[in-house]
Amino acid sequence: MRKFDFRNIKIRKVTVDELNDKMLLANLYMTQALTLIIGIIWVLFQGRNPLSFFKLPIDSNFLWWGAGLAVVVLIFDLGISRFVPEDAADDGGVNERVFGNRAVWHIAVISLVVAICEEILFRGAIQHAFGPYWTSIIFAAIHVRYLRHWIPTGLVFIISYGLGWIMIQSGTLWAPIIAHFLIDFVMGCILRFRREEK
């Protein structure tokens, strides 16, 4: 049996166009798994139980917080897209590639996985340590594909701050998970059906 030689691993920057669909999805799911693992470890180091995030609150106010923020973000995003040139909001085609050819059920799965994994790390762990402002700066910086343009970077920061704020107001991680899921799901469906129309 041949041994695997780590010295032969070569790392190079690739564009989204160089990835086939399977590699793109593998990269997406591996990134989210890593995000989830880091979030859980960070929460454990804080002496907290990550399973407590999934305890449903007694009242249903968190649904209104999550759905309300999602509606505000979607209206604002769709409104601003009418006035901002497409190249000013370009993410390098990543979102188009991720969502453009997916079935609606797969868009929902991707949106749910991303919402849970990212909210555990950012709102569950990082916000607990640094507060919503610094968490939002880190969240915007992590979304590197937007950093070339100030409008999407600013929107990501504002959305992240909103997610942190509704978590504080609702007292549960479920509110930002719901908002994050709805935003990604609706935007993913818009990308998918817009591509179908073309």
N, C-alpha and C. Protein backbone atom coordinates (compact mmCIF):
# COMPACT_ATOMS: atom_id res chain seq x y z
N MET A 1 0.84 -1.19 0.00
CA MET A 1 0.00 0.00 0.00
C MET A 1 0.88 1.25 0.00
N ARG A 2 0.56 2.20 -0.91
CA ARG A 2 1.36 3.42 -1.00
C ARG A 2 0.98 4.41 0.08
N LYS A 3 2.00 5.06 0.63
CA LYS A 3 1.74 6.10 1.63
C LYS A 3 1.39 7.41 0.92
N PHE A 4 0.53 8.16 1.59
CA PHE A 4 0.17 9.48 1.05
C PHE A 4 1.23 10.47 1.45
N ASP A 5 1.75 11.21 0.49
CA ASP A 5 2.83 12.17 0.74
C ASP A 5 2.25 13.58 0.78
N PHE A 6 2.20 14.15 1.98
CA PHE A 6 1.65 15.50 2.16
C PHE A 6 2.50 16.57 1.49
N ARG A 7 3.77 16.27 1.25
CA ARG A 7 4.66 17.27 0.62
C ARG A 7 4.29 17.51 -0.84
N ASN A 8 3.56 16.58 -1.43
CA ASN A 8 3.18 16.74 -2.84
C ASN A 8 1.88 17.51 -3.03
N ILE A 9 1.27 17.92 -1.93
CA ILE A 9 0.04 18.70 -2.04
C ILE A 9 0.40 20.12 -2.47
N LYS A 10 -0.26 20.56 -3.52
CA LYS A 10 -0.02 21.92 -4.01
C LYS A 10 -1.30 22.71 -3.84
N ILE A 11 -1.18 23.87 -3.27
CA ILE A 11 -2.33 24.75 -3.06
C ILE A 11 -2.21 25.92 -4.01
N ARG A 12 -3.28 26.16 -4.74
CA ARG A 12 -3.31 27.31 -5.64
C ARG A 12 -4.71 27.91 -5.62
N LYS A 13 -4.76 29.17 -5.95
CA LYS A 13 -6.04 29.87 -6.00
C LYS A 13 -6.76 29.48 -7.27
N VAL A 14 -8.06 29.14 -7.13
CA VAL A 14 -8.87 28.82 -8.30
C VAL A 14 -10.08 29.74 -8.32
N THR A 15 -10.59 29.97 -9.52
CA THR A 15 -11.81 30.76 -9.64
C THR A 15 -12.99 29.80 -9.62
N VAL A 16 -14.16 30.35 -9.40
CA VAL A 16 -15.37 29.52 -9.35
C VAL A 16 -15.62 28.83 -10.69
N ASP A 17 -15.18 29.45 -11.78
CA ASP A 17 -15.38 28.86 -13.10
C ASP A 17 -14.52 27.62 -13.32
N GLU A 18 -13.44 27.48 -12.56
CA GLU A 18 -12.56 26.32 -12.70
C GLU A 18 -13.09 25.10 -11.96
N LEU A 19 -14.08 25.29 -11.09
CA LEU A 19 -14.65 24.17 -10.32
C LEU A 19 -15.83 23.58 -11.06
N ASN A 20 -15.87 22.25 -11.13
CA ASN A 20 -17.08 21.64 -11.68
C ASN A 20 -18.15 21.64 -10.57
N ASP A 21 -19.35 21.23 -10.91
CA ASP A 21 -20.46 21.32 -9.97
C ASP A 21 -20.23 20.50 -8.70
N LYS A 22 -19.68 19.29 -8.87
CA LYS A 22 -19.43 18.43 -7.70
C LYS A 22 -18.40 19.06 -6.77
N MET A 23 -17.34 19.61 -7.34
CA MET A 23 -16.30 20.25 -6.52
C MET A 23 -16.85 21.49 -5.82
N LEU A 24 -17.69 22.24 -6.51
CA LEU A 24 -18.28 23.44 -5.91
C LEU A 24 -19.14 23.07 -4.71
N LEU A 25 -19.98 22.05 -4.86
CA LEU A 25 -20.82 21.60 -3.75
C LEU A 25 -19.99 21.01 -2.63
N ALA A 26 -18.96 20.22 -2.97
CA ALA A 26 -18.09 19.64 -1.95
C ALA A 26 -17.41 20.74 -1.16
N ASN A 27 -16.94 21.78 -1.86
CA ASN A 27 -16.29 22.91 -1.20
C ASN A 27 -17.28 23.61 -0.28
N LEU A 28 -18.51 23.82 -0.75
CA LEU A 28 -19.54 24.48 0.06
C LEU A 28 -19.82 23.71 1.33
N TYR A 29 -20.09 22.40 1.19
CA TYR A 29 -20.44 21.60 2.36
C TYR A 29 -19.26 21.41 3.31
N MET A 30 -18.04 21.28 2.77
CA MET A 30 -16.86 21.15 3.65
C MET A 30 -16.61 22.44 4.43
N THR A 31 -16.79 23.56 3.75
CA THR A 31 -16.62 24.86 4.42
C THR A 31 -17.64 25.02 5.55
N GLN A 32 -18.88 24.61 5.30
CA GLN A 32 -19.91 24.72 6.33
C GLN A 32 -19.65 23.76 7.48
N ALA A 33 -19.15 22.55 7.17
CA ALA A 33 -18.81 21.60 8.24
C ALA A 33 -17.70 22.17 9.11
N LEU A 34 -16.69 22.78 8.49
CA LEU A 34 -15.59 23.40 9.24
C LEU A 34 -16.11 24.55 10.09
N THR A 35 -17.01 25.35 9.54
CA THR A 35 -17.63 26.46 10.28
C THR A 35 -18.36 25.93 11.51
N LEU A 36 -19.13 24.86 11.33
CA LEU A 36 -19.88 24.26 12.43
C LEU A 36 -18.93 23.72 13.51
N ILE A 37 -17.90 23.02 13.10
CA ILE A 37 -16.93 22.45 14.07
C ILE A 37 -16.25 23.55 14.87
N ILE A 38 -15.80 24.60 14.17
CA ILE A 38 -15.14 25.73 14.87
C ILE A 38 -16.13 26.37 15.85
N GLY A 39 -17.37 26.57 15.41
CA GLY A 39 -18.39 27.18 16.28
C GLY A 39 -18.65 26.35 17.52
N ILE A 40 -18.80 25.04 17.35
CA ILE A 40 -19.08 24.15 18.50
C ILE A 40 -17.90 24.14 19.46
N ILE A 41 -16.67 24.04 18.93
CA ILE A 41 -15.48 24.04 19.79
C ILE A 41 -15.38 25.35 20.56
N TRP A 42 -15.62 26.48 19.87
CA TRP A 42 -15.54 27.79 20.51
C TRP A 42 -16.57 27.91 21.63
N VAL A 43 -17.79 27.45 21.37
CA VAL A 43 -18.85 27.49 22.39
C VAL A 43 -18.47 26.61 23.59
N LEU A 44 -17.90 25.44 23.33
CA LEU A 44 -17.46 24.55 24.43
C LEU A 44 -16.36 25.21 25.25
N PHE A 45 -15.42 25.89 24.58
CA PHE A 45 -14.37 26.60 25.31
C PHE A 45 -14.93 27.76 26.14
N GLN A 46 -16.08 28.27 25.75
CA GLN A 46 -16.73 29.32 26.53
C GLN A 46 -17.49 28.73 27.73
N GLY A 47 -17.47 27.40 27.85
CA GLY A 47 -18.14 26.74 28.97
C GLY A 47 -19.65 26.67 28.79
N ARG A 48 -20.11 26.71 27.54
CA ARG A 48 -21.54 26.67 27.26
C ARG A 48 -21.88 25.40 26.49
N ASN A 49 -23.14 25.04 26.49
CA ASN A 49 -23.60 23.84 25.82
C ASN A 49 -24.21 24.23 24.47
N PRO A 50 -23.59 23.81 23.33
CA PRO A 50 -24.14 24.19 22.03
C PRO A 50 -25.53 23.59 21.77
N LEU A 51 -25.88 22.52 22.46
CA LEU A 51 -27.21 21.93 22.28
C LEU A 51 -28.31 22.85 22.81
N SER A 52 -27.93 23.74 23.73
CA SER A 52 -28.92 24.67 24.28
C SER A 52 -29.44 25.64 23.21
N PHE A 53 -28.66 25.83 22.13
CA PHE A 53 -29.10 26.71 21.04
C PHE A 53 -30.38 26.20 20.39
N PHE A 54 -30.58 24.90 20.43
CA PHE A 54 -31.69 24.30 19.70
C PHE A 54 -32.95 24.10 20.54
N LYS A 55 -32.90 24.57 21.77
CA LYS A 55 -34.09 24.51 22.61
C LYS A 55 -35.07 25.58 22.12
N LEU A 56 -36.27 25.14 21.79
CA LEU A 56 -37.28 26.08 21.29
C LEU A 56 -37.83 26.93 22.42
N PRO A 57 -37.94 28.23 22.22
CA PRO A 57 -38.53 29.11 23.24
C PRO A 57 -40.00 28.78 23.45
N ILE A 58 -40.52 29.20 24.60
CA ILE A 58 -41.93 28.95 24.93
C ILE A 58 -42.85 29.74 24.01
N ASP A 59 -42.54 31.03 23.80
CA ASP A 59 -43.40 31.81 22.91
C ASP A 59 -42.84 31.80 21.48
N SER A 60 -43.65 32.24 20.55
CA SER A 60 -43.26 32.18 19.14
C SER A 60 -42.77 33.51 18.59
N ASN A 61 -42.42 34.45 19.47
CA ASN A 61 -41.95 35.76 19.01
C ASN A 61 -40.71 35.66 18.12
N PHE A 62 -39.87 34.65 18.35
CA PHE A 62 -38.65 34.51 17.55
C PHE A 62 -38.98 34.32 16.07
N LEU A 63 -40.13 33.72 15.76
CA LEU A 63 -40.55 33.55 14.36
C LEU A 63 -40.77 34.91 13.71
N TRP A 64 -41.40 35.82 14.46
CA TRP A 64 -41.67 37.16 13.93
C TRP A 64 -40.39 37.95 13.75
N TRP A 65 -39.47 37.81 14.71
CA TRP A 65 -38.19 38.50 14.58
C TRP A 65 -37.44 38.01 13.34
N GLY A 66 -37.37 36.68 13.18
CA GLY A 66 -36.65 36.11 12.04
C GLY A 66 -37.30 36.45 10.70
N ALA A 67 -38.60 36.20 10.61
CA ALA A 67 -39.31 36.47 9.36
C ALA A 67 -39.35 37.98 9.05
N GLY A 68 -39.50 38.78 10.10
CA GLY A 68 -39.54 40.24 9.91
C GLY A 68 -38.24 40.78 9.35
N LEU A 69 -37.11 40.36 9.92
CA LEU A 69 -35.82 40.82 9.41
C LEU A 69 -35.63 40.34 7.97
N ALA A 70 -36.00 39.09 7.70
CA ALA A 70 -35.84 38.56 6.34
C ALA A 70 -36.63 39.39 5.33
N VAL A 71 -37.86 39.74 5.66
CA VAL A 71 -38.68 40.54 4.74
C VAL A 71 -38.05 41.91 4.51
N VAL A 72 -37.59 42.56 5.57
CA VAL A 72 -36.95 43.88 5.44
C VAL A 72 -35.71 43.78 4.55
N VAL A 73 -34.86 42.77 4.80
CA VAL A 73 -33.63 42.60 4.01
C VAL A 73 -33.97 42.33 2.54
N LEU A 74 -34.93 41.45 2.30
CA LEU A 74 -35.27 41.11 0.91
C LEU A 74 -35.85 42.31 0.16
N ILE A 75 -36.73 43.06 0.80
CA ILE A 75 -37.29 44.26 0.16
C ILE A 75 -36.18 45.26 -0.14
N PHE A 76 -35.30 45.49 0.83
CA PHE A 76 -34.21 46.44 0.64
C PHE A 76 -33.27 45.96 -0.46
N ASP A 77 -32.90 44.68 -0.42
CA ASP A 77 -31.96 44.13 -1.40
C ASP A 77 -32.54 44.19 -2.81
N LEU A 78 -33.80 43.78 -2.96
CA LEU A 78 -34.43 43.82 -4.28
C LEU A 78 -34.63 45.26 -4.75
N GLY A 79 -34.92 46.16 -3.82
CA GLY A 79 -35.07 47.57 -4.17
C GLY A 79 -33.77 48.20 -4.62
N ILE A 80 -32.71 47.93 -3.88
CA ILE A 80 -31.41 48.53 -4.21
C ILE A 80 -30.85 47.94 -5.50
N SER A 81 -31.20 46.69 -5.82
CA SER A 81 -30.68 46.08 -7.04
C SER A 81 -31.22 46.74 -8.31
N ARG A 82 -32.31 47.48 -8.18
CA ARG A 82 -32.86 48.20 -9.33
C ARG A 82 -32.01 49.43 -9.68
N PHE A 83 -31.29 49.96 -8.69
CA PHE A 83 -30.55 51.21 -8.89
C PHE A 83 -29.04 51.02 -8.98
N VAL A 84 -28.57 49.87 -8.50
CA VAL A 84 -27.13 49.62 -8.47
C VAL A 84 -26.75 48.81 -9.70
N PRO A 85 -25.72 49.22 -10.43
CA PRO A 85 -25.28 48.43 -11.58
C PRO A 85 -24.87 47.02 -11.15
N GLU A 86 -25.10 46.05 -12.05
CA GLU A 86 -24.85 44.65 -11.72
C GLU A 86 -23.39 44.40 -11.34
N ASP A 87 -22.46 45.08 -12.02
CA ASP A 87 -21.04 44.85 -11.72
C ASP A 87 -20.63 45.40 -10.36
N ALA A 88 -21.41 46.33 -9.78
CA ALA A 88 -21.09 46.87 -8.46
C ALA A 88 -21.47 45.91 -7.35
N ALA A 89 -22.30 44.91 -7.67
CA ALA A 89 -22.71 43.91 -6.67
C ALA A 89 -22.21 42.52 -7.04
N ASP A 90 -21.24 42.46 -7.95
CA ASP A 90 -20.74 41.18 -8.45
C ASP A 90 -19.97 40.41 -7.37
N ASP A 91 -20.32 39.13 -7.22
CA ASP A 91 -19.61 38.27 -6.26
C ASP A 91 -18.73 37.25 -6.97
N GLY A 92 -18.44 37.51 -8.24
CA GLY A 92 -17.62 36.58 -9.01
C GLY A 92 -18.40 35.40 -9.55
N GLY A 93 -19.72 35.47 -9.51
CA GLY A 93 -20.55 34.41 -10.04
C GLY A 93 -20.78 33.24 -9.10
N VAL A 94 -20.35 33.37 -7.84
CA VAL A 94 -20.46 32.25 -6.90
C VAL A 94 -21.92 31.90 -6.62
N ASN A 95 -22.71 32.89 -6.25
CA ASN A 95 -24.12 32.61 -5.92
C ASN A 95 -24.87 32.05 -7.12
N GLU A 96 -24.57 32.59 -8.30
CA GLU A 96 -25.21 32.09 -9.53
C GLU A 96 -24.87 30.62 -9.74
N ARG A 97 -23.60 30.26 -9.52
CA ARG A 97 -23.18 28.86 -9.70
C ARG A 97 -23.77 27.95 -8.63
N VAL A 98 -23.83 28.44 -7.39
CA VAL A 98 -24.34 27.61 -6.30
C VAL A 98 -25.83 27.34 -6.46
N PHE A 99 -26.60 28.38 -6.78
CA PHE A 99 -28.05 28.24 -6.79
C PHE A 99 -28.68 28.10 -8.17
N GLY A 100 -28.01 28.55 -9.21
CA GLY A 100 -28.61 28.67 -10.54
C GLY A 100 -29.22 27.41 -11.12
N ASN A 101 -28.60 26.26 -10.91
CA ASN A 101 -29.09 25.01 -11.51
C ASN A 101 -29.69 24.05 -10.51
N ARG A 102 -29.92 24.48 -9.30
CA ARG A 102 -30.40 23.58 -8.25
C ARG A 102 -31.91 23.42 -8.28
N ALA A 103 -32.35 22.26 -7.83
CA ALA A 103 -33.77 22.06 -7.57
C ALA A 103 -34.14 22.88 -6.33
N VAL A 104 -35.39 23.25 -6.22
CA VAL A 104 -35.83 24.08 -5.09
C VAL A 104 -35.54 23.39 -3.76
N TRP A 105 -35.75 22.06 -3.67
CA TRP A 105 -35.48 21.35 -2.42
C TRP A 105 -33.99 21.45 -2.06
N HIS A 106 -33.10 21.45 -3.07
CA HIS A 106 -31.67 21.54 -2.78
C HIS A 106 -31.28 22.96 -2.35
N ILE A 107 -31.94 23.96 -2.93
CA ILE A 107 -31.72 25.34 -2.48
C ILE A 107 -32.11 25.46 -1.01
N ALA A 108 -33.23 24.82 -0.62
CA ALA A 108 -33.67 24.83 0.78
C ALA A 108 -32.65 24.14 1.67
N VAL A 109 -32.12 23.00 1.24
CA VAL A 109 -31.13 22.27 2.05
C VAL A 109 -29.87 23.11 2.22
N ILE A 110 -29.35 23.68 1.14
CA ILE A 110 -28.16 24.52 1.22
C ILE A 110 -28.41 25.69 2.15
N SER A 111 -29.54 26.35 1.99
CA SER A 111 -29.87 27.52 2.82
C SER A 111 -29.96 27.15 4.29
N LEU A 112 -30.54 26.00 4.60
CA LEU A 112 -30.66 25.56 5.99
C LEU A 112 -29.31 25.21 6.59
N VAL A 113 -28.49 24.49 5.84
CA VAL A 113 -27.15 24.12 6.32
C VAL A 113 -26.32 25.37 6.59
N VAL A 114 -26.32 26.29 5.64
CA VAL A 114 -25.55 27.53 5.81
C VAL A 114 -26.07 28.33 7.00
N ALA A 115 -27.39 28.46 7.13
CA ALA A 115 -27.97 29.24 8.23
C ALA A 115 -27.58 28.65 9.58
N ILE A 116 -27.70 27.35 9.74
CA ILE A 116 -27.39 26.73 11.04
C ILE A 116 -25.90 26.83 11.34
N CYS A 117 -25.06 26.44 10.39
CA CYS A 117 -23.61 26.42 10.65
C CYS A 117 -23.05 27.81 10.91
N GLU A 118 -23.42 28.77 10.07
CA GLU A 118 -22.88 30.13 10.24
C GLU A 118 -23.43 30.81 11.47
N GLU A 119 -24.70 30.59 11.80
CA GLU A 119 -25.26 31.25 12.98
C GLU A 119 -24.69 30.66 14.28
N ILE A 120 -24.41 29.38 14.29
CA ILE A 120 -23.77 28.81 15.50
C ILE A 120 -22.41 29.46 15.72
N LEU A 121 -21.62 29.60 14.64
CA LEU A 121 -20.30 30.22 14.80
C LEU A 121 -20.42 31.71 15.10
N PHE A 122 -21.14 32.44 14.27
CA PHE A 122 -21.10 33.90 14.38
C PHE A 122 -21.97 34.44 15.50
N ARG A 123 -23.25 34.10 15.53
CA ARG A 123 -24.11 34.61 16.61
C ARG A 123 -23.94 33.80 17.88
N GLY A 124 -23.75 32.48 17.78
CA GLY A 124 -23.65 31.65 18.97
C GLY A 124 -22.33 31.79 19.70
N ALA A 125 -21.22 31.82 18.96
CA ALA A 125 -19.90 31.83 19.60
C ALA A 125 -19.24 33.21 19.56
N ILE A 126 -19.06 33.76 18.35
CA ILE A 126 -18.30 35.00 18.21
C ILE A 126 -19.03 36.18 18.85
N GLN A 127 -20.34 36.29 18.61
CA GLN A 127 -21.07 37.42 19.20
C GLN A 127 -21.05 37.35 20.72
N HIS A 128 -21.09 36.16 21.28
CA HIS A 128 -21.01 36.00 22.73
C HIS A 128 -19.69 36.57 23.27
N ALA A 129 -18.63 36.43 22.47
CA ALA A 129 -17.31 36.91 22.90
C ALA A 129 -17.08 38.39 22.60
N PHE A 130 -17.55 38.87 21.43
CA PHE A 130 -17.16 40.22 20.98
C PHE A 130 -18.32 41.19 20.76
N GLY A 131 -19.56 40.72 20.82
CA GLY A 131 -20.70 41.59 20.57
C GLY A 131 -21.05 41.66 19.10
N PRO A 132 -22.21 42.25 18.77
CA PRO A 132 -22.70 42.23 17.39
C PRO A 132 -21.88 43.07 16.41
N TYR A 133 -21.27 44.18 16.88
CA TYR A 133 -20.53 45.06 15.96
C TYR A 133 -19.30 44.34 15.40
N TRP A 134 -18.44 43.84 16.29
CA TRP A 134 -17.21 43.17 15.83
C TRP A 134 -17.52 41.86 15.12
N THR A 135 -18.57 41.19 15.55
CA THR A 135 -19.00 39.96 14.85
C THR A 135 -19.37 40.29 13.42
N SER A 136 -20.03 41.40 13.21
CA SER A 136 -20.45 41.80 11.86
C SER A 136 -19.27 42.17 10.99
N ILE A 137 -18.25 42.78 11.57
CA ILE A 137 -17.03 43.08 10.81
C ILE A 137 -16.37 41.77 10.37
N ILE A 138 -16.27 40.81 11.29
CA ILE A 138 -15.67 39.51 10.96
C ILE A 138 -16.53 38.79 9.91
N PHE A 139 -17.84 38.83 10.08
CA PHE A 139 -18.77 38.18 9.15
C PHE A 139 -18.61 38.75 7.74
N ALA A 140 -18.50 40.07 7.63
CA ALA A 140 -18.32 40.71 6.33
C ALA A 140 -16.96 40.34 5.73
N ALA A 141 -15.93 40.29 6.57
CA ALA A 141 -14.59 39.94 6.08
C ALA A 141 -14.51 38.50 5.60
N ILE A 142 -15.24 37.61 6.26
CA ILE A 142 -15.25 36.19 5.87
C ILE A 142 -15.88 36.02 4.48
N HIS A 143 -16.84 36.85 4.15
CA HIS A 143 -17.49 36.78 2.83
C HIS A 143 -16.60 37.53 1.82
N VAL A 144 -15.41 36.97 1.59
CA VAL A 144 -14.37 37.64 0.80
C VAL A 144 -14.80 37.94 -0.63
N ARG A 145 -15.72 37.15 -1.17
CA ARG A 145 -16.11 37.39 -2.57
C ARG A 145 -16.81 38.73 -2.76
N TYR A 146 -17.29 39.33 -1.65
CA TYR A 146 -17.94 40.64 -1.74
C TYR A 146 -17.00 41.80 -1.50
N LEU A 147 -15.81 41.53 -1.01
CA LEU A 147 -14.93 42.60 -0.56
C LEU A 147 -14.43 43.51 -1.68
N ARG A 148 -14.57 43.09 -2.93
CA ARG A 148 -14.12 43.93 -4.04
C ARG A 148 -15.05 45.12 -4.26
N HIS A 149 -16.27 45.04 -3.72
CA HIS A 149 -17.26 46.10 -3.93
C HIS A 149 -17.83 46.52 -2.58
N TRP A 150 -17.91 47.82 -2.36
CA TRP A 150 -18.32 48.30 -1.04
C TRP A 150 -19.81 48.11 -0.77
N ILE A 151 -20.66 48.10 -1.80
CA ILE A 151 -22.11 47.97 -1.57
C ILE A 151 -22.45 46.60 -0.99
N PRO A 152 -22.05 45.47 -1.62
CA PRO A 152 -22.37 44.18 -1.01
C PRO A 152 -21.68 43.96 0.33
N THR A 153 -20.46 44.50 0.49
CA THR A 153 -19.77 44.37 1.78
C THR A 153 -20.56 45.10 2.87
N GLY A 154 -21.03 46.30 2.56
CA GLY A 154 -21.84 47.05 3.52
C GLY A 154 -23.15 46.34 3.83
N LEU A 155 -23.78 45.78 2.80
CA LEU A 155 -25.03 45.04 3.03
C LEU A 155 -24.81 43.82 3.91
N VAL A 156 -23.72 43.09 3.67
CA VAL A 156 -23.42 41.91 4.50
C VAL A 156 -23.21 42.34 5.95
N PHE A 157 -22.49 43.46 6.17
CA PHE A 157 -22.28 43.96 7.53
C PHE A 157 -23.62 44.31 8.19
N ILE A 158 -24.48 45.04 7.47
CA ILE A 158 -25.76 45.46 8.03
C ILE A 158 -26.66 44.26 8.33
N ILE A 159 -26.70 43.30 7.40
CA ILE A 159 -27.50 42.09 7.61
C ILE A 159 -26.99 41.34 8.83
N SER A 160 -25.66 41.21 8.95
CA SER A 160 -25.08 40.52 10.09
C SER A 160 -25.43 41.22 11.40
N TYR A 161 -25.35 42.56 11.39
CA TYR A 161 -25.69 43.31 12.60
C TYR A 161 -27.16 43.09 12.94
N GLY A 162 -28.02 43.08 11.93
CA GLY A 162 -29.44 42.80 12.14
C GLY A 162 -29.67 41.42 12.72
N LEU A 163 -28.94 40.43 12.23
CA LEU A 163 -29.05 39.07 12.77
C LEU A 163 -28.64 39.03 14.24
N GLY A 164 -27.58 39.75 14.57
CA GLY A 164 -27.14 39.81 15.97
C GLY A 164 -28.15 40.53 16.84
N TRP A 165 -28.73 41.60 16.30
CA TRP A 165 -29.70 42.39 17.06
C TRP A 165 -30.96 41.58 17.35
N ILE A 166 -31.47 40.83 16.34
CA ILE A 166 -32.69 40.06 16.60
C ILE A 166 -32.42 38.89 17.55
N MET A 167 -31.18 38.42 17.58
CA MET A 167 -30.88 37.37 18.56
C MET A 167 -30.96 37.95 19.98
N ILE A 168 -30.43 39.16 20.15
CA ILE A 168 -30.49 39.81 21.46
C ILE A 168 -31.95 40.08 21.84
N GLN A 169 -32.73 40.59 20.90
CA GLN A 169 -34.13 40.93 21.17
C GLN A 169 -34.99 39.71 21.47
N SER A 170 -34.75 38.63 20.72
CA SER A 170 -35.58 37.43 20.88
C SER A 170 -35.06 36.50 21.96
N GLY A 171 -33.77 36.60 22.28
CA GLY A 171 -33.17 35.74 23.29
C GLY A 171 -32.90 34.32 22.82
N THR A 172 -32.94 34.11 21.50
CA THR A 172 -32.70 32.76 20.99
C THR A 172 -31.97 32.81 19.65
N LEU A 173 -31.17 31.79 19.39
CA LEU A 173 -30.45 31.67 18.12
C LEU A 173 -31.40 31.32 16.97
N TRP A 174 -32.60 30.84 17.30
CA TRP A 174 -33.56 30.46 16.27
C TRP A 174 -33.96 31.65 15.40
N ALA A 175 -34.05 32.84 15.97
CA ALA A 175 -34.46 34.02 15.19
C ALA A 175 -33.47 34.30 14.05
N PRO A 176 -32.16 34.41 14.32
CA PRO A 176 -31.24 34.64 13.20
C PRO A 176 -31.13 33.44 12.25
N ILE A 177 -31.30 32.23 12.75
CA ILE A 177 -31.28 31.06 11.86
C ILE A 177 -32.44 31.15 10.87
N ILE A 178 -33.63 31.48 11.35
CA ILE A 178 -34.80 31.61 10.47
C ILE A 178 -34.59 32.72 9.45
N ALA A 179 -34.11 33.89 9.92
CA ALA A 179 -33.88 35.02 9.01
C ALA A 179 -32.84 34.66 7.95
N HIS A 180 -31.73 34.08 8.38
CA HIS A 180 -30.64 33.71 7.48
C HIS A 180 -31.15 32.71 6.44
N PHE A 181 -31.90 31.71 6.90
CA PHE A 181 -32.46 30.71 5.99
C PHE A 181 -33.38 31.35 4.95
N LEU A 182 -34.32 32.17 5.40
CA LEU A 182 -35.28 32.78 4.48
C LEU A 182 -34.60 33.69 3.46
N ILE A 183 -33.62 34.47 3.90
CA ILE A 183 -32.90 35.36 2.98
C ILE A 183 -32.18 34.53 1.91
N ASP A 184 -31.42 33.53 2.33
CA ASP A 184 -30.67 32.71 1.37
C ASP A 184 -31.62 31.93 0.46
N PHE A 185 -32.68 31.38 1.02
CA PHE A 185 -33.61 30.57 0.24
C PHE A 185 -34.31 31.40 -0.83
N VAL A 186 -34.84 32.56 -0.44
CA VAL A 186 -35.56 33.40 -1.41
C VAL A 186 -34.60 33.91 -2.48
N MET A 187 -33.42 34.39 -2.07
CA MET A 187 -32.45 34.89 -3.05
C MET A 187 -31.97 33.76 -3.95
N GLY A 188 -31.79 32.56 -3.40
CA GLY A 188 -31.39 31.41 -4.21
C GLY A 188 -32.46 31.05 -5.23
N CYS A 189 -33.72 31.09 -4.82
CA CYS A 189 -34.83 30.80 -5.76
C CYS A 189 -34.92 31.87 -6.85
N ILE A 190 -34.69 33.13 -6.46
CA ILE A 190 -34.70 34.20 -7.47
C ILE A 190 -33.61 33.96 -8.50
N LEU A 191 -32.40 33.62 -8.05
CA LEU A 191 -31.31 33.33 -8.99
C LEU A 191 -31.64 32.15 -9.89
N ARG A 192 -32.24 31.12 -9.30
CA ARG A 192 -32.56 29.93 -10.08
C ARG A 192 -33.60 30.22 -11.16
N PHE A 193 -34.70 30.88 -10.78
CA PHE A 193 -35.77 31.11 -11.74
C PHE A 193 -35.44 32.22 -12.73
N ARG A 194 -34.59 33.15 -12.32
CA ARG A 194 -34.13 34.19 -13.26
C ARG A 194 -33.29 33.54 -14.35
N ARG A 195 -32.47 32.59 -13.97
CA ARG A 195 -31.63 31.88 -14.94
C ARG A 195 -32.49 31.04 -15.87
N GLU A 196 -33.55 30.45 -15.33
CA GLU A 196 -34.46 29.64 -16.14
C GLU A 196 -35.16 30.49 -17.20
N GLU A 197 -35.48 31.74 -16.84
CA GLU A 197 -36.14 32.65 -17.78
C GLU A 197 -35.23 33.00 -18.95
N LYS A 198 -33.92 33.11 -18.66
CA LYS A 198 -32.96 33.45 -19.71
C LYS A 198 -32.84 32.31 -20.69
